[in-house]
Amino acid sequence: MATERTLSIIKPDATRRNLTGKINAKFEDAGLRIVAQKRIQLTKAQAGEFYKVHAERPFYDELCEFMASAPVVVQVLEGEGAIAKNREVMGATNPADAAEGTVRADFAESVGENSVHGSDAPDTAADEISFFFSGLELVG
């Protein structure tokens, strides 16, 4: 399996509850390295641009409001099969369906406030990483 990079976002529900370190420990314990990281406050417009693939879905406005409601931690994770590994560590979108010990099983408050975001494919990861980081910020 190849070394990959993927975008990870620790969402407002988790940053409000000071869970950044606990969530990052799960990624690192799974063999992923954090090669870039910053805490930012998205505007609703920035969240809308990032999630534009969901613009036609009924949850889009609520998602953008939520993502702009408090700071988020955006980061780039690197490792063997990082995209799949990150998604495994995050768990199912619905925390009720998430495997025991995953981020969402342990920390998510609901389907909408599910603590983390992760890229779903190599092309998506590249686009999402470049949305938040310049090449100079990737220092793994």
C-alpha atoms as a PDB file:
ATOM      1  CA  MET A   1       0.000   0.000   0.000  1.00  0.00           C
ATOM      2  CA  ALA A   2       1.297   3.450  -0.913  1.00  0.00           C
ATOM      3  CA  THR A   3       1.974   6.351   1.400  1.00  0.00           C
ATOM      4  CA  GLU A   4      -0.851   8.855   0.999  1.00  0.00           C
ATOM      5  CA  ARG A   5      -2.001  12.146   2.421  1.00  0.00           C
ATOM      6  CA  THR A   6      -5.561  12.982   3.383  1.00  0.00           C
ATOM      7  CA  LEU A   7      -7.385  15.941   4.851  1.00  0.00           C
ATOM      8  CA  SER A   8      -8.860  15.670   8.316  1.00  0.00           C
ATOM      9  CA  ILE A   9     -11.085  18.246   9.989  1.00  0.00           C
ATOM     10  CA  ILE A  10     -11.896  18.204  13.679  1.00  0.00           C
ATOM     11  CA  LYS A  11     -15.315  19.831  13.643  1.00  0.00           C
ATOM     12  CA  PRO A  12     -16.866  22.483  15.937  1.00  0.00           C
ATOM     13  CA  ASP A  13     -18.677  20.001  18.195  1.00  0.00           C
ATOM     14  CA  ALA A  14     -15.321  18.427  19.072  1.00  0.00           C
ATOM     15  CA  THR A  15     -13.281  21.639  19.375  1.00  0.00           C
ATOM     16  CA  ARG A  16     -15.948  23.091  21.715  1.00  0.00           C
ATOM     17  CA  ARG A  17     -15.420  20.098  24.004  1.00  0.00           C
ATOM     18  CA  ASN A  18     -11.605  20.303  23.827  1.00  0.00           C
ATOM     19  CA  LEU A  19     -11.243  16.886  22.150  1.00  0.00           C
ATOM     20  CA  THR A  20      -8.501  17.751  19.648  1.00  0.00           C
ATOM     21  CA  GLY A  21      -5.753  15.908  21.536  1.00  0.00           C
ATOM     22  CA  LYS A  22      -7.867  12.804  22.141  1.00  0.00           C
ATOM     23  CA  ILE A  23      -8.893  12.637  18.479  1.00  0.00           C
ATOM     24  CA  ASN A  24      -5.346  13.200  17.254  1.00  0.00           C
ATOM     25  CA  ALA A  25      -4.134  10.418  19.561  1.00  0.00           C
ATOM     26  CA  LYS A  26      -6.492   7.999  17.771  1.00  0.00           C
ATOM     27  CA  PHE A  27      -5.034   8.992  14.386  1.00  0.00           C
ATOM     28  CA  GLU A  28      -1.460   8.709  15.624  1.00  0.00           C
ATOM     29  CA  ASP A  29      -2.123   5.396  17.398  1.00  0.00           C
ATOM     30  CA  ALA A  30      -3.373   4.063  14.053  1.00  0.00           C
ATOM     31  CA  GLY A  31      -0.049   4.939  12.420  1.00  0.00           C
ATOM     32  CA  LEU A  32      -1.006   8.238  10.783  1.00  0.00           C
ATOM     33  CA  ARG A  33       1.324  11.244  11.049  1.00  0.00           C
ATOM     34  CA  ILE A  34       0.096  14.831  11.265  1.00  0.00           C
ATOM     35  CA  VAL A  35       2.166  16.698   8.662  1.00  0.00           C
ATOM     36  CA  ALA A  36       0.234  19.992   8.749  1.00  0.00           C
ATOM     37  CA  GLN A  37      -2.254  21.429  11.215  1.00  0.00           C
ATOM     38  CA  LYS A  38      -3.978  24.694  12.058  1.00  0.00           C
ATOM     39  CA  ARG A  39      -6.947  25.909  14.056  1.00  0.00           C
ATOM     40  CA  ILE A  40      -9.155  28.266  12.063  1.00  0.00           C
ATOM     41  CA  GLN A  41     -12.592  29.872  12.163  1.00  0.00           C
ATOM     42  CA  LEU A  42     -14.443  29.329   8.895  1.00  0.00           C
ATOM     43  CA  THR A  43     -16.970  31.827   7.638  1.00  0.00           C
ATOM     44  CA  LYS A  44     -20.254  30.455   6.335  1.00  0.00           C
ATOM     45  CA  ALA A  45     -19.106  31.375   2.810  1.00  0.00           C
ATOM     46  CA  GLN A  46     -15.840  29.451   3.227  1.00  0.00           C
ATOM     47  CA  ALA A  47     -17.701  26.427   4.581  1.00  0.00           C
ATOM     48  CA  GLY A  48     -20.099  26.710   1.642  1.00  0.00           C
ATOM     49  CA  GLU A  49     -17.238  26.726  -0.841  1.00  0.00           C
ATOM     50  CA  PHE A  50     -15.576  23.738   0.813  1.00  0.00           C
ATOM     51  CA  TYR A  51     -18.817  21.705   0.907  1.00  0.00           C
ATOM     52  CA  LYS A  52     -20.122  22.898  -2.493  1.00  0.00           C
ATOM     53  CA  VAL A  53     -20.487  19.277  -3.674  1.00  0.00           C
ATOM     54  CA  HIS A  54     -23.414  19.077  -1.235  1.00  0.00           C
ATOM     55  CA  ALA A  55     -25.043  22.359  -2.325  1.00  0.00           C
ATOM     56  CA  GLU A  56     -28.177  20.645  -3.659  1.00  0.00           C
ATOM     57  CA  ARG A  57     -28.688  18.472  -0.599  1.00  0.00           C
ATOM     58  CA  PRO A  58     -31.223  19.454   2.076  1.00  0.00           C
ATOM     59  CA  PHE A  59     -28.608  19.526   4.866  1.00  0.00           C
ATOM     60  CA  TYR A  60     -26.223  21.932   3.069  1.00  0.00           C
ATOM     61  CA  ASP A  61     -27.224  25.193   4.790  1.00  0.00           C
ATOM     62  CA  GLU A  62     -27.295  23.555   8.212  1.00  0.00           C
ATOM     63  CA  LEU A  63     -23.863  22.005   7.551  1.00  0.00           C
ATOM     64  CA  CYS A  64     -22.373  25.374   6.554  1.00  0.00           C
ATOM     65  CA  GLU A  65     -23.859  27.077   9.627  1.00  0.00           C
ATOM     66  CA  PHE A  66     -22.480  24.343  11.865  1.00  0.00           C
ATOM     67  CA  MET A  67     -18.993  24.412  10.348  1.00  0.00           C
ATOM     68  CA  ALA A  68     -18.852  28.197  10.878  1.00  0.00           C
ATOM     69  CA  SER A  69     -20.217  28.017  14.431  1.00  0.00           C
ATOM     70  CA  ALA A  70     -16.871  27.527  16.215  1.00  0.00           C
ATOM     71  CA  PRO A  71     -13.215  26.920  15.341  1.00  0.00           C
ATOM     72  CA  VAL A  72     -12.173  23.790  13.491  1.00  0.00           C
ATOM     73  CA  VAL A  73      -8.799  22.072  13.295  1.00  0.00           C
ATOM     74  CA  VAL A  74      -7.756  21.311   9.732  1.00  0.00           C
ATOM     75  CA  GLN A  75      -4.883  18.924   9.277  1.00  0.00           C
ATOM     76  CA  VAL A  76      -3.133  16.691   6.808  1.00  0.00           C
ATOM     77  CA  LEU A  77      -2.574  13.087   7.828  1.00  0.00           C
ATOM     78  CA  GLU A  78       0.044  10.934   6.125  1.00  0.00           C
ATOM     79  CA  GLY A  79       0.686   7.211   6.119  1.00  0.00           C
ATOM     80  CA  GLU A  80       0.263   3.904   4.336  1.00  0.00           C
ATOM     81  CA  GLY A  81      -3.246   3.931   2.880  1.00  0.00           C
ATOM     82  CA  ALA A  82      -3.979   7.124   4.824  1.00  0.00           C
ATOM     83  CA  ILE A  83      -7.361   7.776   3.205  1.00  0.00           C
ATOM     84  CA  ALA A  84      -8.841   4.391   4.106  1.00  0.00           C
ATOM     85  CA  LYS A  85      -7.083   4.321   7.495  1.00  0.00           C
ATOM     86  CA  ASN A  86      -8.459   7.753   8.409  1.00  0.00           C
ATOM     87  CA  ARG A  87     -11.979   6.709   7.432  1.00  0.00           C
ATOM     88  CA  GLU A  88     -11.619   3.532   9.489  1.00  0.00           C
ATOM     89  CA  VAL A  89     -10.471   5.511  12.548  1.00  0.00           C
ATOM     90  CA  MET A  90     -13.306   8.040  12.087  1.00  0.00           C
ATOM     91  CA  GLY A  91     -16.028   5.374  11.938  1.00  0.00           C
ATOM     92  CA  ALA A  92     -19.415   5.484  10.234  1.00  0.00           C
ATOM     93  CA  THR A  93     -21.019   8.901   9.683  1.00  0.00           C
ATOM     94  CA  ASN A  94     -23.890   7.923  11.965  1.00  0.00           C
ATOM     95  CA  PRO A  95     -22.321   7.414  15.399  1.00  0.00           C
ATOM     96  CA  ALA A  96     -24.966   4.760  16.161  1.00  0.00           C
ATOM     97  CA  ASP A  97     -23.448   2.681  13.358  1.00  0.00           C
ATOM     98  CA  ALA A  98     -19.798   3.453  14.162  1.00  0.00           C
ATOM     99  CA  ALA A  99     -17.572   0.654  15.423  1.00  0.00           C
ATOM    100  CA  GLU A 100     -16.523   0.720  19.058  1.00  0.00           C
ATOM    101  CA  GLY A 101     -13.384   2.762  19.652  1.00  0.00           C
ATOM    102  CA  THR A 102     -13.731   4.933  16.546  1.00  0.00           C
ATOM    103  CA  VAL A 103     -13.770   8.716  16.810  1.00  0.00           C
ATOM    104  CA  ARG A 104     -17.471   8.961  16.007  1.00  0.00           C
ATOM    105  CA  ALA A 105     -18.501   6.152  18.354  1.00  0.00           C
ATOM    106  CA  ASP A 106     -16.552   7.777  21.180  1.00  0.00           C
ATOM    107  CA  PHE A 107     -17.169  11.490  20.553  1.00  0.00           C
ATOM    108  CA  ALA A 108     -19.875  12.310  17.970  1.00  0.00           C
ATOM    109  CA  GLU A 109     -23.046  13.895  19.268  1.00  0.00           C
ATOM    110  CA  SER A 110     -25.236  13.133  16.228  1.00  0.00           C
ATOM    111  CA  VAL A 111     -25.140  12.377  12.503  1.00  0.00           C
ATOM    112  CA  GLY A 112     -24.755  16.103  11.810  1.00  0.00           C
ATOM    113  CA  GLU A 113     -22.367  16.842  14.664  1.00  0.00           C
ATOM    114  CA  ASN A 114     -20.095  13.875  14.123  1.00  0.00           C
ATOM    115  CA  SER A 115     -16.781  15.409  15.257  1.00  0.00           C
ATOM    116  CA  VAL A 116     -14.625  14.775  12.171  1.00  0.00           C
ATOM    117  CA  HIS A 117     -14.404  15.008   8.395  1.00  0.00           C
ATOM    118  CA  GLY A 118     -12.071  13.007   6.184  1.00  0.00           C
ATOM    119  CA  SER A 119     -11.394  12.876   2.456  1.00  0.00           C
ATOM    120  CA  ASP A 120     -12.951   9.940   0.621  1.00  0.00           C
ATOM    121  CA  ALA A 121     -10.599   9.462  -2.358  1.00  0.00           C
ATOM    122  CA  PRO A 122      -7.161  10.522  -3.633  1.00  0.00           C
ATOM    123  CA  ASP A 123      -8.505  13.275  -5.933  1.00  0.00           C
ATOM    124  CA  THR A 124     -10.770  14.608  -3.198  1.00  0.00           C
ATOM    125  CA  ALA A 125      -7.893  14.545  -0.715  1.00  0.00           C
ATOM    126  CA  ALA A 126      -5.663  16.568  -3.052  1.00  0.00           C
ATOM    127  CA  ASP A 127      -8.399  19.157  -3.651  1.00  0.00           C
ATOM    128  CA  GLU A 128      -9.322  19.403   0.025  1.00  0.00           C
ATOM    129  CA  ILE A 129      -5.713  19.693   1.183  1.00  0.00           C
ATOM    130  CA  SER A 130      -5.041  22.500  -1.300  1.00  0.00           C
ATOM    131  CA  PHE A 131      -8.187  24.320  -0.102  1.00  0.00           C
ATOM    132  CA  PHE A 132      -6.583  24.831   3.320  1.00  0.00           C
ATOM    133  CA  PHE A 133      -2.802  24.438   2.891  1.00  0.00           C
ATOM    134  CA  SER A 134      -0.019  25.646   0.624  1.00  0.00           C
ATOM    135  CA  GLY A 135       2.766  23.247  -0.283  1.00  0.00           C
ATOM    136  CA  LEU A 136       5.092  25.094   2.124  1.00  0.00           C
ATOM    137  CA  GLU A 137       2.848  24.157   5.046  1.00  0.00           C
ATOM    138  CA  LEU A 138       3.136  20.407   4.439  1.00  0.00           C
ATOM    139  CA  VAL A 139       6.196  19.598   6.511  1.00  0.00           C
ATOM    140  CA  GLY A 140       6.012  15.849   7.136  1.00  0.00           C
END
